[in-house]
Amino acid sequence: MAARATIKMTDSFSVTAGAPRFDSLLVVRLSAMGDIIHTLPAAAALRQAFPHATLGWLVEERWAELLCTLRYPRSGRRSPQRPLVDRVHSVNTAEWRHAPFSFNTWLQMGGGLSELRGIQYDAAIDFQGAVRSALLARWSGAPIVYGSAQPRENAASMFYTRKMLTSGTHVVEQALALAGGIIPTAIIPTTVAEAQVEFPVDPDAENKIAGLTADMKDFAILNPGAGWGAKRWPAERYGQVAKELAKDGLCSLVNCGPGEKGLAVAVEAAGEGAARKIFCSVSELIALTRRARVFIGGDTGPLHLAAALKIPVAAIFGPTNPARNGPFGTRSMVLRSASSVTDHTRRREPEQGLLEITVGEVVAAARKLLQNPVAEPHIEEPK
């Protein structure tokens, strides 16, 4: 069975009376991992509202496994291997930008866009709000392109045929608000509804992770990596957390993404046998995360995956705002220093406020989540 995370839509999920019905819709959210996960509840709401429509998703190839397992067809009847969308369309914009004049680049672009346009989607919804995503939404050939009236990149609005006002503090709420303007009131109530978020189930990944964790009764996932250095709590402190959790009989697995081997090795060394690094594909990380007792990490994609899978989360925040980007829809404790200031500058060194969060505070948060199954999400400021 696919793991499900039930997300309740609040009043910020507004709807428009007399909104049109569609036979086909294209979701455009290219990257990154956390942002795609934050868009899943909105896509699930569209699926619920238009159950017989063809729902497609345009995504970077790197993150396509969040929607469809690698060995399963990208289009056709939905199944646990592709539970949400009818079609997955992928692009590789990073590679295209690296070699813009390559014959292979033009071949990939031409083939991918031709396939996309061939579906003849009734409408496209750009949840990313960037120029490249808005442009691709327009290139899809959909006669209607929805987007926020205040996109992340202002120039993106040039490519929208319908600009919509959105509300909500958290990015999940903002995405739901954008979807809500498309859904007829006759289909979704104006206040509270439920959208089922399902991740693909890869049998090979499930079997591999089941074997790797067979000797562990319970384990925590430690995730020292993040998109940039300012968000990374020191790896050595994660190792110390692992040592403390081992006293409670809890094993710690260190998730190691591309380019993060050095961080994982540092955690292992500081853990002195209490932590073990593990390299996972996206499908394997899904399988691993749904088995974890608790997730400990900063503002990064694997944290948001854990939250969507309803795994308790001890979140370590520094320069990013947890009210906007924090764990959504799960039991969580967010630690953030009162001295931290929201700043998305991609600095290499950890933000000073992040360094004020101690090992003891993180361990205490994890233990509270493990001992209190009904703990409510809240933010703790280090003293």
Protein backbone atom coordinates (compact mmCIF):
# COMPACT_ATOMS: atom_id res chain seq x y z
CA MET A 1 0.00 0.00 0.00
CA ALA A 2 1.21 3.52 -0.75
CA ALA A 3 1.93 5.59 2.31
CA ARG A 4 -0.62 8.32 2.80
CA ALA A 5 -0.37 11.70 4.43
CA THR A 6 -3.70 13.37 5.06
CA ILE A 7 -3.49 17.13 4.67
CA LYS A 8 -6.42 19.23 5.79
CA MET A 9 -7.11 22.32 3.74
CA THR A 10 -7.97 25.37 5.81
CA ASP A 11 -9.88 28.51 4.91
CA SER A 12 -6.84 29.68 2.93
CA PHE A 13 -7.92 27.07 0.37
CA SER A 14 -10.34 29.43 -1.37
CA VAL A 15 -12.44 28.50 -4.37
CA THR A 16 -14.08 30.44 -7.13
CA ALA A 17 -17.75 30.03 -7.89
CA GLY A 18 -18.41 28.95 -11.44
CA ALA A 19 -14.82 27.81 -12.03
CA PRO A 20 -14.46 25.76 -15.23
CA ARG A 21 -14.20 22.01 -15.43
CA PHE A 22 -11.26 20.41 -17.22
CA ASP A 23 -10.60 17.16 -19.03
CA SER A 24 -6.83 17.57 -18.66
CA LEU A 25 -4.57 19.61 -16.38
CA LEU A 26 -0.81 20.06 -16.24
CA VAL A 27 0.96 20.75 -12.94
CA VAL A 28 4.25 22.58 -13.40
CA ARG A 29 6.64 22.30 -10.45
CA LEU A 30 10.10 21.47 -11.69
CA SER A 31 12.17 21.41 -8.51
CA ALA A 32 13.44 21.12 -5.83
CA MET A 33 12.63 18.10 -3.67
CA GLY A 34 11.00 19.97 -0.78
CA ASP A 35 9.09 22.29 -3.08
CA ILE A 36 7.69 19.39 -5.09
CA ILE A 37 6.57 17.72 -1.87
CA HIS A 38 4.94 20.98 -0.76
CA THR A 39 2.96 21.00 -4.02
CA LEU A 40 1.64 17.44 -3.64
CA PRO A 41 -1.39 18.40 -1.48
CA ALA A 42 -2.50 20.92 -4.12
CA ALA A 43 -2.09 18.34 -6.89
CA ALA A 44 -4.03 15.83 -4.78
CA ALA A 45 -6.80 18.41 -4.38
CA LEU A 46 -6.94 18.81 -8.17
CA ARG A 47 -7.09 15.04 -8.56
CA GLN A 48 -9.94 14.88 -6.07
CA ALA A 49 -11.80 17.71 -7.77
CA PHE A 50 -11.34 16.36 -11.30
CA PRO A 51 -11.19 12.56 -10.81
CA HIS A 52 -11.74 11.73 -14.48
CA ALA A 53 -9.35 14.32 -15.91
CA THR A 54 -5.90 13.51 -17.21
CA LEU A 55 -3.48 14.98 -14.68
CA GLY A 56 0.08 15.53 -15.83
CA TRP A 57 3.14 16.89 -14.04
CA LEU A 58 6.17 18.58 -15.58
CA VAL A 59 9.23 17.98 -13.37
CA GLU A 60 13.01 17.87 -13.51
CA GLU A 61 14.18 14.33 -14.28
CA ARG A 62 16.18 14.24 -11.04
CA TRP A 63 12.95 14.39 -9.00
CA ALA A 64 10.64 12.28 -11.16
CA GLU A 65 10.88 9.40 -8.64
CA LEU A 66 8.75 11.46 -6.27
CA LEU A 67 5.91 10.85 -8.74
CA CYS A 68 6.75 7.55 -10.46
CA THR A 69 9.16 4.70 -9.77
CA LEU A 70 12.04 4.35 -12.21
CA ARG A 71 10.99 1.05 -13.81
CA TYR A 72 7.31 1.89 -14.17
CA PRO A 73 5.80 3.56 -17.28
CA ARG A 74 5.52 7.34 -17.05
CA SER A 75 1.97 7.32 -18.43
CA GLY A 76 -1.13 5.15 -18.31
CA ARG A 77 -3.30 3.70 -15.58
CA ARG A 78 -2.37 4.88 -12.10
CA SER A 79 -1.03 2.36 -9.59
CA PRO A 80 1.01 2.29 -6.36
CA GLN A 81 4.07 2.88 -8.56
CA ARG A 82 2.53 6.12 -9.95
CA PRO A 83 -0.37 6.89 -7.62
CA LEU A 84 -1.17 10.54 -8.24
CA VAL A 85 -0.70 11.56 -11.86
CA ASP A 86 -1.59 10.03 -15.20
CA ARG A 87 1.52 11.34 -16.93
CA VAL A 88 4.97 12.43 -15.84
CA HIS A 89 6.83 14.74 -18.23
CA SER A 90 10.47 15.37 -17.40
CA VAL A 91 12.99 18.00 -18.40
CA ASN A 92 16.67 18.40 -17.61
CA THR A 93 17.16 22.16 -17.61
CA ALA A 94 20.50 22.02 -15.76
CA GLU A 95 22.03 19.86 -18.49
CA TRP A 96 20.42 21.98 -21.19
CA ARG A 97 21.89 25.18 -19.71
CA HIS A 98 25.31 23.51 -19.46
CA ALA A 99 25.35 22.67 -23.19
CA PRO A 100 22.76 24.96 -24.83
CA PHE A 101 24.13 24.54 -28.36
CA SER A 102 24.62 20.79 -28.25
CA PHE A 103 22.73 18.71 -30.81
CA ASN A 104 21.75 16.30 -28.02
CA THR A 105 20.31 19.19 -26.00
CA TRP A 106 18.15 20.35 -28.89
CA LEU A 107 17.10 16.76 -29.57
CA GLN A 108 15.99 16.28 -25.95
CA MET A 109 14.23 19.64 -25.80
CA GLY A 110 12.44 19.08 -29.08
CA GLY A 111 11.34 15.55 -28.25
CA GLY A 112 10.20 16.40 -24.73
CA LEU A 113 8.28 19.51 -25.69
CA SER A 114 6.71 17.79 -28.68
CA GLU A 115 5.41 14.99 -26.44
CA LEU A 116 4.16 17.54 -23.93
CA ARG A 117 2.31 19.61 -26.53
CA GLY A 118 0.84 16.45 -28.04
CA ILE A 119 -1.34 15.89 -24.97
CA GLN A 120 -3.16 19.19 -25.61
CA TYR A 121 -3.78 20.03 -21.95
CA ASP A 122 -6.77 22.25 -21.26
CA ALA A 123 -4.82 24.26 -18.71
CA ALA A 124 -1.44 24.42 -16.98
CA ILE A 125 -0.81 25.62 -13.42
CA ASP A 126 2.62 27.01 -12.61
CA PHE A 127 3.26 26.39 -8.90
CA GLN A 128 6.91 27.41 -9.13
CA GLY A 129 6.56 31.04 -10.11
CA ALA A 130 9.89 31.19 -11.96
CA VAL A 131 10.50 32.40 -15.49
CA ARG A 132 11.65 28.96 -16.70
CA SER A 133 8.61 27.17 -15.21
CA ALA A 134 6.18 29.78 -16.55
CA LEU A 135 7.79 29.61 -19.99
CA LEU A 136 7.54 25.81 -20.05
CA ALA A 137 3.91 26.01 -18.92
CA ARG A 138 3.23 28.29 -21.89
CA TRP A 139 5.20 26.05 -24.25
CA SER A 140 2.99 23.14 -23.23
CA GLY A 141 0.40 24.54 -25.61
CA ALA A 142 -2.28 24.80 -22.92
CA PRO A 143 -4.60 27.68 -23.86
CA ILE A 144 -4.92 28.70 -20.19
CA VAL A 145 -1.89 29.13 -17.93
CA TYR A 146 -2.58 29.86 -14.26
CA GLY A 147 -0.06 31.44 -11.94
CA SER A 148 0.24 33.61 -8.87
CA ALA A 149 -0.33 37.33 -9.27
CA GLN A 150 2.85 37.72 -7.19
CA PRO A 151 5.19 34.99 -8.44
CA ARG A 152 8.67 34.38 -7.02
CA GLU A 153 10.16 35.95 -10.15
CA ASN A 154 8.08 38.92 -11.29
CA ALA A 155 8.78 38.35 -14.99
CA ALA A 156 7.06 34.95 -14.79
CA SER A 157 3.67 36.65 -14.74
CA MET A 158 4.21 37.71 -18.38
CA PHE A 159 3.46 34.13 -19.43
CA TYR A 160 0.25 33.66 -17.43
CA THR A 161 -3.17 34.07 -18.99
CA ARG A 162 -4.82 33.91 -15.54
CA LYS A 163 -3.16 35.63 -12.59
CA MET A 164 -4.54 34.59 -9.24
CA LEU A 165 -4.27 36.10 -5.79
CA THR A 166 -3.11 33.54 -3.24
CA SER A 167 -2.99 33.55 0.54
CA GLY A 168 -1.50 31.51 3.34
CA THR A 169 1.68 31.64 5.39
CA HIS A 170 3.14 28.22 4.64
CA VAL A 171 4.07 27.33 1.07
CA VAL A 172 1.72 24.32 1.23
CA GLU A 173 -1.16 26.70 2.03
CA GLN A 174 -0.11 29.00 -0.80
CA ALA A 175 -0.10 26.13 -3.29
CA LEU A 176 -3.51 24.99 -2.06
CA ALA A 177 -4.80 28.53 -2.50
CA LEU A 178 -3.60 28.59 -6.11
CA ALA A 179 -5.28 25.24 -6.80
CA GLY A 180 -8.39 26.40 -4.97
CA GLY A 181 -9.02 29.18 -7.46
CA ILE A 182 -9.44 26.56 -10.20
CA ILE A 183 -11.71 24.13 -8.38
CA PRO A 184 -15.48 24.65 -8.62
CA THR A 185 -17.31 25.19 -5.35
CA ALA A 186 -19.70 22.41 -6.29
CA ILE A 187 -16.83 19.93 -6.08
CA ILE A 188 -14.83 21.09 -3.04
CA PRO A 189 -16.37 22.78 0.02
CA THR A 190 -15.14 26.27 0.75
CA THR A 191 -13.63 25.47 4.14
CA VAL A 192 -12.27 22.05 5.02
CA ALA A 193 -11.55 19.08 2.75
CA GLU A 194 -9.01 16.30 2.72
CA ALA A 195 -6.44 15.58 0.06
CA GLN A 196 -4.67 12.23 0.13
CA VAL A 197 -0.97 12.51 -0.70
CA GLU A 198 0.55 9.24 -1.86
CA PHE A 199 4.16 8.53 -2.72
CA PRO A 200 5.20 5.85 -5.22
CA VAL A 201 5.99 2.41 -3.85
CA ASP A 202 9.02 0.80 -5.49
CA PRO A 203 9.08 -2.94 -4.68
CA ASP A 204 12.85 -3.17 -5.27
CA ALA A 205 13.52 -0.22 -2.96
CA GLU A 206 11.17 -1.62 -0.32
CA ASN A 207 12.94 -5.00 -0.36
CA LYS A 208 16.40 -3.40 -0.18
CA ILE A 209 15.52 -1.14 2.76
CA ALA A 210 13.70 -3.96 4.55
CA GLY A 211 16.90 -5.98 4.36
CA LEU A 212 19.13 -3.12 5.51
CA THR A 213 16.96 -2.39 8.54
CA ALA A 214 16.02 -5.96 9.43
CA ASP A 215 18.28 -5.98 12.50
CA MET A 216 16.91 -2.68 13.81
CA LYS A 217 13.85 -2.57 15.99
CA ASP A 218 13.70 1.24 15.89
CA PHE A 219 15.84 3.86 14.23
CA ALA A 220 16.15 7.58 13.72
CA ILE A 221 17.14 9.29 10.48
CA LEU A 222 19.76 12.01 10.84
CA ASN A 223 20.10 14.37 7.87
CA PRO A 224 23.14 16.69 8.15
CA GLY A 225 22.92 18.02 4.59
CA ALA A 226 21.06 21.06 3.30
CA GLY A 227 20.91 23.18 0.17
CA TRP A 228 23.59 25.57 1.36
CA GLY A 229 26.02 25.90 4.25
CA ALA A 230 24.12 28.48 6.29
CA LYS A 231 21.37 25.89 6.92
CA ARG A 232 23.73 23.08 7.99
CA TRP A 233 23.98 22.36 11.70
CA PRO A 234 27.49 20.94 12.33
CA ALA A 235 27.88 17.30 11.35
CA GLU A 236 29.82 16.52 14.53
CA ARG A 237 26.81 17.53 16.63
CA TYR A 238 24.62 15.04 14.75
CA GLY A 239 27.11 12.36 15.81
CA GLN A 240 26.74 13.45 19.43
CA VAL A 241 22.96 13.27 19.06
CA ALA A 242 23.33 9.70 17.80
CA LYS A 243 25.39 8.79 20.88
CA GLU A 244 22.68 10.13 23.18
CA LEU A 245 19.86 8.37 21.31
CA ALA A 246 21.82 5.11 21.48
CA LYS A 247 21.42 5.27 25.27
CA ASP A 248 17.67 4.93 24.63
CA GLY A 249 18.21 1.91 22.38
CA LEU A 250 17.64 3.89 19.19
CA CYS A 251 19.89 3.34 16.19
CA SER A 252 20.72 6.31 13.95
CA LEU A 253 21.00 6.13 10.17
CA VAL A 254 22.67 9.08 8.45
CA ASN A 255 21.03 9.96 5.14
CA CYS A 256 23.69 10.81 2.60
CA GLY A 257 22.69 12.57 -0.60
CA PRO A 258 24.84 13.41 -3.64
CA GLY A 259 27.97 15.30 -2.60
CA GLU A 260 27.30 14.76 1.12
CA LYS A 261 29.61 11.81 1.83
CA GLY A 262 31.98 14.00 3.83
CA LEU A 263 29.17 15.13 6.12
CA ALA A 264 28.03 11.55 6.69
CA VAL A 265 31.57 10.39 7.48
CA ALA A 266 31.92 13.22 10.02
CA VAL A 267 28.67 12.17 11.71
CA GLU A 268 29.82 8.56 11.85
CA ALA A 269 33.15 9.55 13.38
CA ALA A 270 31.57 11.75 16.04
CA GLY A 271 28.99 9.07 16.77
CA GLU A 272 31.68 6.53 17.67
CA GLY A 273 29.64 3.60 16.40
CA ALA A 274 26.19 5.00 17.21
CA ALA A 275 25.53 6.27 13.66
CA ARG A 276 25.75 4.57 10.28
CA LYS A 277 25.67 6.31 6.92
CA ILE A 278 23.32 5.09 4.22
CA PHE A 279 23.22 6.06 0.55
CA CYS A 280 19.71 6.13 -0.91
CA SER A 281 18.02 6.81 -4.20
CA VAL A 282 14.82 8.85 -3.96
CA SER A 283 12.69 5.69 -3.96
CA GLU A 284 14.89 4.11 -1.29
CA LEU A 285 14.69 7.25 0.84
CA ILE A 286 10.90 7.07 0.68
CA ALA A 287 11.02 3.43 1.79
CA LEU A 288 13.53 4.21 4.55
CA THR A 289 11.68 7.25 5.86
CA ARG A 290 8.33 5.54 6.23
CA ARG A 291 10.01 3.04 8.60
CA ALA A 292 11.69 5.64 10.86
CA ARG A 293 10.62 6.51 14.40
CA VAL A 294 11.85 10.10 14.17
CA PHE A 295 13.62 12.38 11.69
CA ILE A 296 16.22 14.95 12.75
CA GLY A 297 17.52 17.53 10.31
CA GLY A 298 17.43 21.03 8.88
CA ASP A 299 15.34 22.74 6.23
CA THR A 300 15.81 20.38 3.31
CA GLY A 301 13.87 18.01 1.08
CA PRO A 302 14.22 14.83 3.18
CA LEU A 303 12.75 16.68 6.19
CA HIS A 304 9.68 17.63 4.17
CA LEU A 305 9.40 14.06 2.92
CA ALA A 306 9.34 12.84 6.53
CA ALA A 307 6.65 15.38 7.40
CA ALA A 308 4.49 14.33 4.44
CA LEU A 309 4.85 10.69 5.52
CA LYS A 310 3.69 11.66 9.04
CA ILE A 311 7.02 10.82 10.67
CA PRO A 312 7.75 12.93 13.81
CA VAL A 313 10.29 15.63 12.97
CA ALA A 314 12.85 17.46 15.11
CA ALA A 315 13.69 20.37 12.81
CA ILE A 316 16.81 22.50 13.24
CA PHE A 317 16.26 25.90 11.61
CA GLY A 318 18.53 28.88 11.12
CA PRO A 319 18.24 31.45 8.31
CA THR A 320 14.97 30.18 6.82
CA ASN A 321 11.53 30.88 8.27
CA PRO A 322 9.83 27.77 9.74
CA ALA A 323 6.43 29.48 9.56
CA ARG A 324 6.80 29.41 5.77
CA ASN A 325 9.03 26.39 5.20
CA GLY A 326 8.76 24.30 8.37
CA PRO A 327 7.47 20.73 8.72
CA PHE A 328 3.80 20.68 7.71
CA GLY A 329 1.08 18.29 8.79
CA THR A 330 3.03 16.10 11.22
CA ARG A 331 4.08 16.05 14.87
CA SER A 332 7.15 18.23 15.06
CA MET A 333 9.36 20.38 17.21
CA VAL A 334 11.19 23.20 15.47
CA LEU A 335 14.28 24.60 17.13
CA ARG A 336 15.34 28.06 16.05
CA SER A 337 17.41 30.64 17.92
CA ALA A 338 15.78 33.99 18.65
CA SER A 339 18.88 35.58 17.13
CA SER A 340 18.33 33.96 13.71
CA VAL A 341 17.26 36.32 10.94
CA THR A 342 15.53 35.13 7.79
CA ASP A 343 18.10 35.36 5.01
CA HIS A 344 18.29 33.28 1.84
CA THR A 345 21.84 34.32 0.98
CA ARG A 346 23.67 31.12 0.10
CA ARG A 347 26.54 31.43 2.54
CA ARG A 348 28.97 28.56 3.03
CA GLU A 349 29.30 28.76 6.80
CA PRO A 350 26.51 27.87 9.28
CA GLU A 351 24.40 30.83 10.34
CA GLN A 352 25.37 32.08 13.80
CA GLY A 353 21.93 31.56 15.31
CA LEU A 354 21.94 27.96 14.07
CA LEU A 355 25.13 27.34 16.04
CA GLU A 356 23.39 28.44 19.24
CA ILE A 357 21.18 25.34 19.13
CA THR A 358 22.78 22.73 21.39
CA VAL A 359 23.01 18.97 21.17
CA GLY A 360 21.04 18.72 24.41
CA GLU A 361 18.14 20.72 23.00
CA VAL A 362 17.95 18.57 19.87
CA VAL A 363 18.09 15.35 21.89
CA ALA A 364 15.40 16.64 24.26
CA ALA A 365 13.15 17.51 21.31
CA ALA A 366 13.62 14.06 19.77
CA ARG A 367 12.91 12.31 23.06
CA LYS A 368 9.78 14.36 23.60
CA LEU A 369 8.48 13.39 20.17
CA LEU A 370 9.26 9.73 20.84
CA GLN A 371 7.63 9.72 24.26
CA ASN A 372 4.57 11.84 23.48
CA PRO A 373 2.59 10.42 20.55
CA VAL A 374 0.14 13.33 20.59
CA ALA A 375 2.63 16.21 20.74
CA GLU A 376 1.53 19.20 18.70
CA PRO A 377 3.84 20.97 16.25
CA HIS A 378 5.47 24.04 17.78
CA ILE A 379 8.65 26.08 17.76
CA GLU A 380 11.16 25.98 20.58
CA GLU A 381 13.64 28.84 20.90
CA PRO A 382 16.97 27.89 22.49
CA LYS A 383 17.56 29.72 25.77
